[in-house]
Amino acid sequence: MSKIKVSVIVPVYKVEKYLSTCIESLLCQTLKEIEIILVDDGSPDNCPALCDAYALKDSRIKVIHKTNGGVSDARNVGIKEATGEYIGFVDPDDWVKPEMFEKMYQNAIQSNADVVVCNLFVYEQDKQKTIKKPYWSNVKQGIVSKKKIYRNMFIKQCYIWNKIYKKTFLNKNKLHFIKGYLYEDIPFFTQVMLLAKSVSYCPLYLYFYRIGRNDSLSRGKSEKQLDIIDIAQITQNILKNLKAPQSVYKNFKKWQIQIYGWMYCLLPDNQKEKALAKIKKKRLMQEIMNNISKRKVKILFLGKFKILRFKTKRFEQIEKIVKLFSPIITIKKI
């Protein structure tokens, strides 16, 4: 068999409804020198049998069955098993264009990049609608300056799957995913962007990211949403240890307030006080609560003014008034 150019790692757990779409999109890749590593993370449904059936059909598929340890553990196992020059990650409920890994690999070789980034489509499952989402709108094709990378960190979401990574780069820096947490991709993403000597941009739309799944862990109300507090602290320590520039710290602080607000809204009511106690910093808590209030006010009030966006220029003034008064509105009042 020819030298493997890209190893694609797919962590598999309770995605029986979506898995075939994902695997079929990988088998259709125009880049033939790939291996597809399906890591069955002890899935209790028909996923293990489905993985084995695909492996019998195509020798490029390698299946690993393991006891359940979470998506981070599954990805780490995949990294150890990968033999490709580059490594990519695809979530099992997503899918990719046939030319994705060929185009990204070509970009990587031409630029000798540690990491290559592409654009994506967002598929809204509840609306059955696909929209284009550029990952970096202010960046041109090819090697991206560190200044632009820093400017975009934590402004754009910390996706790991619209990228490929040189395996020697991951091994040299001992990069892996932290086991047992939701939002495990954030520390990994942070280290990658700070440590990579060269990051290249491929401005093609190649990855389909599915959102709106009611059974998604990151979407549902759960105490596990508290994980983001630990993840934020771990990420902050990474920024400190790797001496990240102030521009990245500034973006991180804004992101932290937004993501804590997201967490607070997804927590069960009996866990909200626990979350605030865990955050500890009084000023940060106030900023988070203000952010939540603004978000709630926008949902309640701006939705009513939505029609005005198209009929009058006064919409911006109305929005400013709502923003002005939202910090004094508490969650209970809302």
C-alpha atoms as a PDB file:
ATOM      1  CA  MET A   1       0.000   0.000   0.000  1.00  0.00           C
ATOM      2  CA  SER A   2       1.188   3.550  -0.767  1.00  0.00           C
ATOM      3  CA  LYS A   3       2.365   5.832   1.995  1.00  0.00           C
ATOM      4  CA  ILE A   4      -0.583   7.187   3.993  1.00  0.00           C
ATOM      5  CA  LYS A   5      -0.904  10.928   3.477  1.00  0.00           C
ATOM      6  CA  VAL A   6      -3.816  11.648   5.827  1.00  0.00           C
ATOM      7  CA  SER A   7      -5.249   9.658   8.736  1.00  0.00           C
ATOM      8  CA  VAL A   8      -8.871  10.590   9.469  1.00  0.00           C
ATOM      9  CA  ILE A   9      -9.994   9.894  13.040  1.00  0.00           C
ATOM     10  CA  VAL A  10     -13.719   9.463  13.787  1.00  0.00           C
ATOM     11  CA  PRO A  11     -14.794   8.964  17.427  1.00  0.00           C
ATOM     12  CA  VAL A  12     -17.986   6.881  17.423  1.00  0.00           C
ATOM     13  CA  TYR A  13     -20.613   6.852  20.160  1.00  0.00           C
ATOM     14  CA  LYS A  14     -24.415   6.640  19.866  1.00  0.00           C
ATOM     15  CA  VAL A  15     -24.602   8.101  16.369  1.00  0.00           C
ATOM     16  CA  GLU A  16     -26.228   5.201  14.518  1.00  0.00           C
ATOM     17  CA  LYS A  17     -28.561   7.577  12.662  1.00  0.00           C
ATOM     18  CA  TYR A  18     -25.724   9.672  11.187  1.00  0.00           C
ATOM     19  CA  LEU A  19     -22.671   7.405  10.952  1.00  0.00           C
ATOM     20  CA  SER A  20     -23.205   6.009   7.457  1.00  0.00           C
ATOM     21  CA  THR A  21     -23.373   9.521   5.964  1.00  0.00           C
ATOM     22  CA  CYS A  22     -20.073  10.365   7.641  1.00  0.00           C
ATOM     23  CA  ILE A  23     -18.254   7.181   6.571  1.00  0.00           C
ATOM     24  CA  GLU A  24     -19.581   7.286   2.991  1.00  0.00           C
ATOM     25  CA  SER A  25     -18.237  10.842   2.599  1.00  0.00           C
ATOM     26  CA  LEU A  26     -14.787   9.609   3.681  1.00  0.00           C
ATOM     27  CA  LEU A  27     -14.825   6.594   1.361  1.00  0.00           C
ATOM     28  CA  CYS A  28     -15.545   8.965  -1.554  1.00  0.00           C
ATOM     29  CA  GLN A  29     -12.385  11.030  -0.969  1.00  0.00           C
ATOM     30  CA  THR A  30     -10.426  11.880  -4.117  1.00  0.00           C
ATOM     31  CA  LEU A  31      -7.264  11.462  -2.048  1.00  0.00           C
ATOM     32  CA  LYS A  32      -6.772   7.696  -2.106  1.00  0.00           C
ATOM     33  CA  GLU A  33      -3.796   7.478   0.266  1.00  0.00           C
ATOM     34  CA  ILE A  34      -5.879   7.856   3.413  1.00  0.00           C
ATOM     35  CA  GLU A  35      -6.752   5.679   6.355  1.00  0.00           C
ATOM     36  CA  ILE A  36     -10.051   6.018   8.179  1.00  0.00           C
ATOM     37  CA  ILE A  37      -9.790   5.211  11.880  1.00  0.00           C
ATOM     38  CA  LEU A  38     -13.185   4.531  13.442  1.00  0.00           C
ATOM     39  CA  VAL A  39     -12.833   4.497  17.234  1.00  0.00           C
ATOM     40  CA  ASP A  40     -15.865   2.781  18.736  1.00  0.00           C
ATOM     41  CA  ASP A  41     -16.001   4.264  22.240  1.00  0.00           C
ATOM     42  CA  GLY A  42     -18.116   1.455  23.690  1.00  0.00           C
ATOM     43  CA  SER A  43     -21.216   2.600  21.814  1.00  0.00           C
ATOM     44  CA  PRO A  44     -24.315   0.705  23.095  1.00  0.00           C
ATOM     45  CA  ASP A  45     -26.243   0.870  19.812  1.00  0.00           C
ATOM     46  CA  ASN A  46     -25.578  -0.672  16.406  1.00  0.00           C
ATOM     47  CA  CYS A  47     -22.525   1.533  15.711  1.00  0.00           C
ATOM     48  CA  PRO A  48     -19.890  -1.155  16.510  1.00  0.00           C
ATOM     49  CA  ALA A  49     -21.440  -3.604  14.026  1.00  0.00           C
ATOM     50  CA  LEU A  50     -21.795  -0.837  11.446  1.00  0.00           C
ATOM     51  CA  CYS A  51     -18.101   0.038  11.782  1.00  0.00           C
ATOM     52  CA  ASP A  52     -17.083  -3.609  11.350  1.00  0.00           C
ATOM     53  CA  ALA A  53     -19.309  -3.996   8.286  1.00  0.00           C
ATOM     54  CA  TYR A  54     -17.655  -1.014   6.598  1.00  0.00           C
ATOM     55  CA  ALA A  55     -14.182  -2.322   7.466  1.00  0.00           C
ATOM     56  CA  LEU A  56     -14.973  -5.571   5.647  1.00  0.00           C
ATOM     57  CA  LYS A  57     -15.884  -3.582   2.529  1.00  0.00           C
ATOM     58  CA  ASP A  58     -12.837  -1.296   2.403  1.00  0.00           C
ATOM     59  CA  SER A  59      -9.277  -1.968   3.571  1.00  0.00           C
ATOM     60  CA  ARG A  60      -8.676   1.744   4.236  1.00  0.00           C
ATOM     61  CA  ILE A  61     -10.930   1.497   7.289  1.00  0.00           C
ATOM     62  CA  LYS A  62      -9.417   0.528  10.611  1.00  0.00           C
ATOM     63  CA  VAL A  63     -11.803  -0.112  13.527  1.00  0.00           C
ATOM     64  CA  ILE A  64     -10.804   0.141  17.180  1.00  0.00           C
ATOM     65  CA  HIS A  65     -13.253  -1.090  19.814  1.00  0.00           C
ATOM     66  CA  LYS A  66     -12.696   0.198  23.361  1.00  0.00           C
ATOM     67  CA  THR A  67     -14.560   0.694  26.595  1.00  0.00           C
ATOM     68  CA  ASN A  68     -16.290   4.030  26.951  1.00  0.00           C
ATOM     69  CA  GLY A  69     -13.902   6.811  27.930  1.00  0.00           C
ATOM     70  CA  GLY A  70     -15.328   9.853  26.195  1.00  0.00           C
ATOM     71  CA  VAL A  71     -14.586  11.619  22.925  1.00  0.00           C
ATOM     72  CA  SER A  72     -11.161  12.882  24.086  1.00  0.00           C
ATOM     73  CA  ASP A  73     -10.006   9.389  24.967  1.00  0.00           C
ATOM     74  CA  ALA A  74     -11.277   8.075  21.625  1.00  0.00           C
ATOM     75  CA  ARG A  75      -9.410  10.765  19.688  1.00  0.00           C
ATOM     76  CA  ASN A  76      -6.221  10.125  21.666  1.00  0.00           C
ATOM     77  CA  VAL A  77      -6.397   6.421  20.838  1.00  0.00           C
ATOM     78  CA  GLY A  78      -6.849   7.360  17.185  1.00  0.00           C
ATOM     79  CA  ILE A  79      -3.790   9.635  17.235  1.00  0.00           C
ATOM     80  CA  LYS A  80      -1.634   6.799  18.603  1.00  0.00           C
ATOM     81  CA  GLU A  81      -2.827   4.423  15.894  1.00  0.00           C
ATOM     82  CA  ALA A  82      -2.526   6.915  13.022  1.00  0.00           C
ATOM     83  CA  THR A  83       0.221   6.297  10.460  1.00  0.00           C
ATOM     84  CA  GLY A  84      -0.494   9.230   8.137  1.00  0.00           C
ATOM     85  CA  GLU A  85       1.749  12.188   7.481  1.00  0.00           C
ATOM     86  CA  TYR A  86      -1.165  14.421   8.527  1.00  0.00           C
ATOM     87  CA  ILE A  87      -4.085  13.809  10.869  1.00  0.00           C
ATOM     88  CA  GLY A  88      -7.656  15.050  10.517  1.00  0.00           C
ATOM     89  CA  PHE A  89     -10.672  14.719  12.788  1.00  0.00           C
ATOM     90  CA  VAL A  90     -14.272  14.279  11.642  1.00  0.00           C
ATOM     91  CA  ASP A  91     -17.174  14.081  14.075  1.00  0.00           C
ATOM     92  CA  PRO A  92     -19.428  11.081  13.371  1.00  0.00           C
ATOM     93  CA  ASP A  93     -22.573  13.168  12.824  1.00  0.00           C
ATOM     94  CA  ASP A  94     -20.804  15.435  10.286  1.00  0.00           C
ATOM     95  CA  TRP A  95     -19.608  14.808   6.732  1.00  0.00           C
ATOM     96  CA  VAL A  96     -17.116  16.232   4.250  1.00  0.00           C
ATOM     97  CA  LYS A  97     -16.797  17.060   0.556  1.00  0.00           C
ATOM     98  CA  PRO A  98     -15.097  14.415  -1.636  1.00  0.00           C
ATOM     99  CA  GLU A  99     -12.101  16.676  -2.317  1.00  0.00           C
ATOM    100  CA  MET A 100     -11.564  17.836   1.273  1.00  0.00           C
ATOM    101  CA  PHE A 101      -8.448  15.926   2.223  1.00  0.00           C
ATOM    102  CA  GLU A 102      -6.857  16.108  -1.224  1.00  0.00           C
ATOM    103  CA  LYS A 103      -7.174  19.910  -1.311  1.00  0.00           C
ATOM    104  CA  MET A 104      -5.974  20.332   2.263  1.00  0.00           C
ATOM    105  CA  TYR A 105      -3.064  17.939   1.805  1.00  0.00           C
ATOM    106  CA  GLN A 106      -1.972  19.767  -1.369  1.00  0.00           C
ATOM    107  CA  ASN A 107      -2.092  23.038   0.548  1.00  0.00           C
ATOM    108  CA  ALA A 108      -0.060  21.510   3.392  1.00  0.00           C
ATOM    109  CA  ILE A 109       2.672  20.222   1.070  1.00  0.00           C
ATOM    110  CA  GLN A 110       2.899  23.456  -0.915  1.00  0.00           C
ATOM    111  CA  SER A 111       3.229  25.560   2.248  1.00  0.00           C
ATOM    112  CA  ASN A 112       4.997  22.976   4.451  1.00  0.00           C
ATOM    113  CA  ALA A 113       2.472  23.881   7.155  1.00  0.00           C
ATOM    114  CA  ASP A 114       2.050  22.329  10.583  1.00  0.00           C
ATOM    115  CA  VAL A 115      -1.692  23.023  10.333  1.00  0.00           C
ATOM    116  CA  VAL A 116      -4.094  23.705   7.444  1.00  0.00           C
ATOM    117  CA  VAL A 117      -7.517  25.334   8.011  1.00  0.00           C
ATOM    118  CA  CYS A 118     -10.553  25.303   5.689  1.00  0.00           C
ATOM    119  CA  ASN A 119     -14.005  26.891   5.617  1.00  0.00           C
ATOM    120  CA  LEU A 120     -17.182  25.050   6.516  1.00  0.00           C
ATOM    121  CA  PHE A 121     -20.883  24.660   5.936  1.00  0.00           C
ATOM    122  CA  VAL A 122     -23.240  24.694   8.921  1.00  0.00           C
ATOM    123  CA  TYR A 123     -26.154  22.305   8.528  1.00  0.00           C
ATOM    124  CA  GLU A 124     -29.078  23.276  10.763  1.00  0.00           C
ATOM    125  CA  GLN A 125     -30.820  19.965  11.255  1.00  0.00           C
ATOM    126  CA  ASP A 126     -34.012  21.352  12.800  1.00  0.00           C
ATOM    127  CA  LYS A 127     -34.456  23.673   9.787  1.00  0.00           C
ATOM    128  CA  GLN A 128     -32.822  21.314   7.262  1.00  0.00           C
ATOM    129  CA  LYS A 129     -30.856  24.282   6.007  1.00  0.00           C
ATOM    130  CA  THR A 130     -27.193  24.605   4.998  1.00  0.00           C
ATOM    131  CA  ILE A 131     -25.319  27.916   5.205  1.00  0.00           C
ATOM    132  CA  LYS A 132     -21.743  28.866   4.341  1.00  0.00           C
ATOM    133  CA  LYS A 133     -19.553  29.905   7.236  1.00  0.00           C
ATOM    134  CA  PRO A 134     -16.099  31.311   6.460  1.00  0.00           C
ATOM    135  CA  TYR A 135     -13.658  30.479   9.225  1.00  0.00           C
ATOM    136  CA  TRP A 136     -11.344  33.421   8.580  1.00  0.00           C
ATOM    137  CA  SER A 137     -12.935  36.177   6.529  1.00  0.00           C
ATOM    138  CA  ASN A 138      -9.949  38.533   6.837  1.00  0.00           C
ATOM    139  CA  VAL A 139      -7.267  36.062   5.727  1.00  0.00           C
ATOM    140  CA  LYS A 140      -5.974  35.147   2.265  1.00  0.00           C
ATOM    141  CA  GLN A 141      -4.989  31.724   0.980  1.00  0.00           C
ATOM    142  CA  GLY A 142      -1.633  30.346   2.110  1.00  0.00           C
ATOM    143  CA  ILE A 143       0.489  30.911   5.200  1.00  0.00           C
ATOM    144  CA  VAL A 144      -1.243  33.045   7.839  1.00  0.00           C
ATOM    145  CA  SER A 145       0.760  35.511   9.916  1.00  0.00           C
ATOM    146  CA  LYS A 146       0.946  34.942  13.659  1.00  0.00           C
ATOM    147  CA  LYS A 147      -0.559  38.397  14.157  1.00  0.00           C
ATOM    148  CA  LYS A 148      -3.728  37.390  12.272  1.00  0.00           C
ATOM    149  CA  ILE A 149      -3.905  34.054  14.060  1.00  0.00           C
ATOM    150  CA  TYR A 150      -3.723  35.808  17.427  1.00  0.00           C
ATOM    151  CA  ARG A 151      -6.331  38.359  16.332  1.00  0.00           C
ATOM    152  CA  ASN A 152      -8.796  35.573  15.475  1.00  0.00           C
ATOM    153  CA  MET A 153      -8.216  33.289  18.462  1.00  0.00           C
ATOM    154  CA  PHE A 154     -11.384  32.956  20.593  1.00  0.00           C
ATOM    155  CA  ILE A 155     -13.210  35.292  18.214  1.00  0.00           C
ATOM    156  CA  LYS A 156     -13.861  32.381  15.885  1.00  0.00           C
ATOM    157  CA  GLN A 157     -14.986  29.120  17.495  1.00  0.00           C
ATOM    158  CA  CYS A 158     -12.318  26.650  18.566  1.00  0.00           C
ATOM    159  CA  TYR A 159     -13.107  23.995  15.987  1.00  0.00           C
ATOM    160  CA  ILE A 160     -10.631  21.136  15.569  1.00  0.00           C
ATOM    161  CA  TRP A 161     -12.255  19.298  12.667  1.00  0.00           C
ATOM    162  CA  ASN A 162     -11.900  21.870   9.861  1.00  0.00           C
ATOM    163  CA  LYS A 163      -8.137  21.359  10.039  1.00  0.00           C
ATOM    164  CA  ILE A 164      -5.400  18.835   9.361  1.00  0.00           C
ATOM    165  CA  TYR A 165      -2.298  18.582  11.549  1.00  0.00           C
ATOM    166  CA  LYS A 166       1.189  17.348  10.747  1.00  0.00           C
ATOM    167  CA  LYS A 167       1.667  14.256  12.890  1.00  0.00           C
ATOM    168  CA  THR A 168       5.301  15.077  13.696  1.00  0.00           C
ATOM    169  CA  PHE A 169       4.100  18.468  15.014  1.00  0.00           C
ATOM    170  CA  LEU A 170       1.552  16.817  17.328  1.00  0.00           C
ATOM    171  CA  ASN A 171       4.089  14.237  18.536  1.00  0.00           C
ATOM    172  CA  LYS A 172       6.894  16.747  19.081  1.00  0.00           C
ATOM    173  CA  ASN A 173       4.669  18.934  21.267  1.00  0.00           C
ATOM    174  CA  LYS A 174       2.930  15.960  22.921  1.00  0.00           C
ATOM    175  CA  LEU A 175      -0.479  17.359  22.006  1.00  0.00           C
ATOM    176  CA  HIS A 176      -3.511  15.347  23.054  1.00  0.00           C
ATOM    177  CA  PHE A 177      -7.054  15.847  24.311  1.00  0.00           C
ATOM    178  CA  ILE A 178      -7.882  16.148  28.009  1.00  0.00           C
ATOM    179  CA  LYS A 179      -9.978  13.163  29.018  1.00  0.00           C
ATOM    180  CA  GLY A 180     -13.345  13.404  30.762  1.00  0.00           C
ATOM    181  CA  TYR A 181     -14.539  16.922  29.848  1.00  0.00           C
ATOM    182  CA  LEU A 182     -17.034  18.560  27.552  1.00  0.00           C
ATOM    183  CA  TYR A 183     -15.474  21.326  25.426  1.00  0.00           C
ATOM    184  CA  GLU A 184     -12.273  19.256  25.280  1.00  0.00           C
ATOM    185  CA  ASP A 185     -11.300  20.787  21.931  1.00  0.00           C
ATOM    186  CA  ILE A 186     -10.615  24.261  23.402  1.00  0.00           C
ATOM    187  CA  PRO A 187      -7.280  23.512  25.177  1.00  0.00           C
ATOM    188  CA  PHE A 188      -6.137  21.431  22.184  1.00  0.00           C
ATOM    189  CA  PHE A 189      -7.014  24.232  19.753  1.00  0.00           C
ATOM    190  CA  THR A 190      -5.249  26.806  21.962  1.00  0.00           C
ATOM    191  CA  GLN A 191      -1.998  24.835  22.097  1.00  0.00           C
ATOM    192  CA  VAL A 192      -2.082  24.120  18.374  1.00  0.00           C
ATOM    193  CA  MET A 193      -2.502  27.764  17.398  1.00  0.00           C
ATOM    194  CA  LEU A 194       0.172  29.008  19.796  1.00  0.00           C
ATOM    195  CA  LEU A 195       2.739  26.299  19.055  1.00  0.00           C
ATOM    196  CA  ALA A 196       2.376  25.853  15.287  1.00  0.00           C
ATOM    197  CA  LYS A 197       5.294  27.402  13.418  1.00  0.00           C
ATOM    198  CA  SER A 198       3.206  27.641  10.234  1.00  0.00           C
ATOM    199  CA  VAL A 199      -0.558  27.663   9.711  1.00  0.00           C
ATOM    200  CA  SER A 200      -1.966  27.721   6.174  1.00  0.00           C
ATOM    201  CA  TYR A 201      -5.445  28.713   5.026  1.00  0.00           C
ATOM    202  CA  CYS A 202      -7.411  26.818   2.389  1.00  0.00           C
ATOM    203  CA  PRO A 203     -10.436  29.083   1.663  1.00  0.00           C
ATOM    204  CA  LEU A 204     -12.604  26.291   0.234  1.00  0.00           C
ATOM    205  CA  TYR A 205     -15.832  25.147   1.911  1.00  0.00           C
ATOM    206  CA  LEU A 206     -15.115  21.491   2.604  1.00  0.00           C
ATOM    207  CA  TYR A 207     -16.642  20.438   5.939  1.00  0.00           C
ATOM    208  CA  PHE A 208     -20.337  20.036   6.841  1.00  0.00           C
ATOM    209  CA  TYR A 209     -20.954  20.728  10.535  1.00  0.00           C
ATOM    210  CA  ARG A 210     -24.306  19.471  11.840  1.00  0.00           C
ATOM    211  CA  ILE A 211     -26.042  21.521  14.553  1.00  0.00           C
ATOM    212  CA  GLY A 212     -29.490  21.309  16.124  1.00  0.00           C
ATOM    213  CA  ARG A 213     -29.277  17.717  17.338  1.00  0.00           C
ATOM    214  CA  ASN A 214     -31.532  17.378  20.379  1.00  0.00           C
ATOM    215  CA  ASP A 215     -29.460  14.424  21.632  1.00  0.00           C
ATOM    216  CA  SER A 216     -26.165  16.338  21.532  1.00  0.00           C
ATOM    217  CA  LEU A 217     -24.340  16.561  24.887  1.00  0.00           C
ATOM    218  CA  SER A 218     -23.196  20.121  24.268  1.00  0.00           C
ATOM    219  CA  ARG A 219     -26.786  21.203  23.573  1.00  0.00           C
ATOM    220  CA  GLY A 220     -28.680  19.551  26.419  1.00  0.00           C
ATOM    221  CA  LYS A 221     -29.267  20.778  29.965  1.00  0.00           C
ATOM    222  CA  SER A 222     -26.811  18.929  32.145  1.00  0.00           C
ATOM    223  CA  GLU A 223     -24.509  19.336  35.129  1.00  0.00           C
ATOM    224  CA  LYS A 224     -21.686  18.450  32.701  1.00  0.00           C
ATOM    225  CA  GLN A 225     -21.951  22.017  31.404  1.00  0.00           C
ATOM    226  CA  LEU A 226     -19.950  22.938  34.533  1.00  0.00           C
ATOM    227  CA  ASP A 227     -16.929  21.440  32.756  1.00  0.00           C
ATOM    228  CA  ILE A 228     -16.432  24.699  30.893  1.00  0.00           C
ATOM    229  CA  ILE A 229     -15.239  26.387  34.113  1.00  0.00           C
ATOM    230  CA  ASP A 230     -12.388  23.868  34.485  1.00  0.00           C
ATOM    231  CA  ILE A 231     -11.672  23.995  30.755  1.00  0.00           C
ATOM    232  CA  ALA A 232     -11.426  27.798  30.876  1.00  0.00           C
ATOM    233  CA  GLN A 233      -8.957  27.575  33.776  1.00  0.00           C
ATOM    234  CA  ILE A 234      -6.877  24.959  31.971  1.00  0.00           C
ATOM    235  CA  THR A 235      -6.873  27.150  28.859  1.00  0.00           C
ATOM    236  CA  GLN A 236      -5.855  30.212  30.846  1.00  0.00           C
ATOM    237  CA  ASN A 237      -2.905  28.260  32.289  1.00  0.00           C
ATOM    238  CA  ILE A 238      -1.899  27.269  28.742  1.00  0.00           C
ATOM    239  CA  LEU A 239      -1.968  30.922  27.668  1.00  0.00           C
ATOM    240  CA  LYS A 240       0.235  31.816  30.625  1.00  0.00           C
ATOM    241  CA  ASN A 241       2.706  28.948  30.165  1.00  0.00           C
ATOM    242  CA  LEU A 242       3.068  29.587  26.434  1.00  0.00           C
ATOM    243  CA  LYS A 243       3.332  33.349  26.984  1.00  0.00           C
ATOM    244  CA  ALA A 244       0.438  34.267  24.731  1.00  0.00           C
ATOM    245  CA  PRO A 245       0.324  37.928  23.628  1.00  0.00           C
ATOM    246  CA  GLN A 246      -2.101  40.382  25.245  1.00  0.00           C
ATOM    247  CA  SER A 247      -4.358  40.395  22.188  1.00  0.00           C
ATOM    248  CA  VAL A 248      -5.098  36.700  22.777  1.00  0.00           C
ATOM    249  CA  TYR A 249      -5.728  37.275  26.500  1.00  0.00           C
ATOM    250  CA  LYS A 250      -8.157  40.060  25.633  1.00  0.00           C
ATOM    251  CA  ASN A 251     -10.109  37.814  23.249  1.00  0.00           C
ATOM    252  CA  PHE A 252     -10.034  34.988  25.791  1.00  0.00           C
ATOM    253  CA  LYS A 253     -11.633  37.150  28.497  1.00  0.00           C
ATOM    254  CA  LYS A 254     -14.482  38.166  26.178  1.00  0.00           C
ATOM    255  CA  TRP A 255     -14.951  34.537  25.160  1.00  0.00           C
ATOM    256  CA  GLN A 256     -14.957  33.434  28.813  1.00  0.00           C
ATOM    257  CA  ILE A 257     -17.853  35.744  29.678  1.00  0.00           C
ATOM    258  CA  GLN A 258     -19.861  34.561  26.678  1.00  0.00           C
ATOM    259  CA  ILE A 259     -19.224  30.853  27.204  1.00  0.00           C
ATOM    260  CA  TYR A 260     -20.011  31.061  30.947  1.00  0.00           C
ATOM    261  CA  GLY A 261     -23.295  32.732  30.046  1.00  0.00           C
ATOM    262  CA  TRP A 262     -24.006  29.889  27.616  1.00  0.00           C
ATOM    263  CA  MET A 263     -23.165  27.369  30.336  1.00  0.00           C
ATOM    264  CA  TYR A 264     -25.391  29.105  32.905  1.00  0.00           C
ATOM    265  CA  CYS A 265     -28.404  28.963  30.589  1.00  0.00           C
ATOM    266  CA  LEU A 266     -27.846  25.252  29.891  1.00  0.00           C
ATOM    267  CA  LEU A 267     -27.446  24.241  33.536  1.00  0.00           C
ATOM    268  CA  PRO A 268     -30.382  22.732  35.449  1.00  0.00           C
ATOM    269  CA  ASP A 269     -31.804  25.292  37.912  1.00  0.00           C
ATOM    270  CA  ASN A 270     -30.471  23.385  40.921  1.00  0.00           C
ATOM    271  CA  GLN A 271     -26.901  23.714  39.600  1.00  0.00           C
ATOM    272  CA  LYS A 272     -26.817  27.461  38.888  1.00  0.00           C
ATOM    273  CA  GLU A 273     -25.700  28.496  42.393  1.00  0.00           C
ATOM    274  CA  LYS A 274     -22.976  25.844  42.263  1.00  0.00           C
ATOM    275  CA  ALA A 275     -21.718  27.356  39.024  1.00  0.00           C
ATOM    276  CA  LEU A 276     -21.549  30.881  40.454  1.00  0.00           C
ATOM    277  CA  ALA A 277     -19.760  29.602  43.571  1.00  0.00           C
ATOM    278  CA  LYS A 278     -17.232  27.796  41.371  1.00  0.00           C
ATOM    279  CA  ILE A 279     -16.475  30.906  39.335  1.00  0.00           C
ATOM    280  CA  LYS A 280     -15.611  32.786  42.588  1.00  0.00           C
ATOM    281  CA  LYS A 281     -14.442  36.088  41.062  1.00  0.00           C
ATOM    282  CA  LYS A 282     -17.115  38.668  41.909  1.00  0.00           C
ATOM    283  CA  ARG A 283     -16.395  41.042  39.011  1.00  0.00           C
ATOM    284  CA  LEU A 284     -16.400  38.214  36.495  1.00  0.00           C
ATOM    285  CA  MET A 285     -19.715  36.930  37.874  1.00  0.00           C
ATOM    286  CA  GLN A 286     -21.285  40.370  37.453  1.00  0.00           C
ATOM    287  CA  GLU A 287     -20.089  40.598  33.850  1.00  0.00           C
ATOM    288  CA  ILE A 288     -21.490  37.136  33.155  1.00  0.00           C
ATOM    289  CA  MET A 289     -24.867  37.986  34.679  1.00  0.00           C
ATOM    290  CA  ASN A 290     -25.004  41.222  32.693  1.00  0.00           C
ATOM    291  CA  ASN A 291     -24.206  39.273  29.544  1.00  0.00           C
ATOM    292  CA  ILE A 292     -26.982  36.783  30.297  1.00  0.00           C
ATOM    293  CA  SER A 293     -29.432  39.604  30.971  1.00  0.00           C
ATOM    294  CA  LYS A 294     -28.592  41.245  27.654  1.00  0.00           C
ATOM    295  CA  ARG A 295     -29.049  37.982  25.831  1.00  0.00           C
ATOM    296  CA  LYS A 296     -32.404  37.341  27.502  1.00  0.00           C
ATOM    297  CA  VAL A 297     -33.597  40.881  26.795  1.00  0.00           C
ATOM    298  CA  LYS A 298     -32.629  40.519  23.149  1.00  0.00           C
ATOM    299  CA  ILE A 299     -34.612  37.327  22.888  1.00  0.00           C
ATOM    300  CA  LEU A 300     -37.657  38.823  24.583  1.00  0.00           C
ATOM    301  CA  PHE A 301     -37.640  42.335  23.183  1.00  0.00           C
ATOM    302  CA  LEU A 302     -35.612  42.464  20.001  1.00  0.00           C
ATOM    303  CA  GLY A 303     -37.626  39.621  18.604  1.00  0.00           C
ATOM    304  CA  LYS A 304     -40.678  41.899  18.775  1.00  0.00           C
ATOM    305  CA  PHE A 305     -38.780  44.653  16.982  1.00  0.00           C
ATOM    306  CA  LYS A 306     -37.423  42.332  14.318  1.00  0.00           C
ATOM    307  CA  ILE A 307     -39.792  43.670  11.673  1.00  0.00           C
ATOM    308  CA  LEU A 308     -38.476  47.176  12.328  1.00  0.00           C
ATOM    309  CA  ARG A 309     -35.038  46.126  11.086  1.00  0.00           C
ATOM    310  CA  PHE A 310     -36.463  46.200   7.594  1.00  0.00           C
ATOM    311  CA  LYS A 311     -38.961  49.063   7.941  1.00  0.00           C
ATOM    312  CA  THR A 312     -37.207  51.767   9.911  1.00  0.00           C
ATOM    313  CA  LYS A 313     -33.745  53.089  10.629  1.00  0.00           C
ATOM    314  CA  ARG A 314     -34.654  53.430  14.325  1.00  0.00           C
ATOM    315  CA  PHE A 315     -33.897  49.780  15.039  1.00  0.00           C
ATOM    316  CA  GLU A 316     -30.313  50.601  16.108  1.00  0.00           C
ATOM    317  CA  GLN A 317     -31.536  53.260  18.569  1.00  0.00           C
ATOM    318  CA  ILE A 318     -34.041  50.781  20.026  1.00  0.00           C
ATOM    319  CA  GLU A 319     -31.282  48.178  20.364  1.00  0.00           C
ATOM    320  CA  LYS A 320     -29.024  50.683  22.169  1.00  0.00           C
ATOM    321  CA  ILE A 321     -31.802  51.536  24.638  1.00  0.00           C
ATOM    322  CA  VAL A 322     -32.382  47.861  25.397  1.00  0.00           C
ATOM    323  CA  LYS A 323     -28.629  47.331  25.895  1.00  0.00           C
ATOM    324  CA  LEU A 324     -28.474  50.331  28.215  1.00  0.00           C
ATOM    325  CA  PHE A 325     -31.156  49.031  30.559  1.00  0.00           C
ATOM    326  CA  SER A 326     -30.471  45.290  30.346  1.00  0.00           C
ATOM    327  CA  PRO A 327     -27.699  45.231  33.026  1.00  0.00           C
ATOM    328  CA  ILE A 328     -30.247  46.210  35.696  1.00  0.00           C
ATOM    329  CA  ILE A 329     -32.642  43.406  34.735  1.00  0.00           C
ATOM    330  CA  THR A 330     -32.032  40.271  36.758  1.00  0.00           C
ATOM    331  CA  ILE A 331     -32.589  36.719  35.614  1.00  0.00           C
ATOM    332  CA  LYS A 332     -35.502  36.345  38.062  1.00  0.00           C
ATOM    333  CA  LYS A 333     -37.280  39.358  36.681  1.00  0.00           C
ATOM    334  CA  ILE A 334     -36.895  37.970  33.196  1.00  0.00           C
END
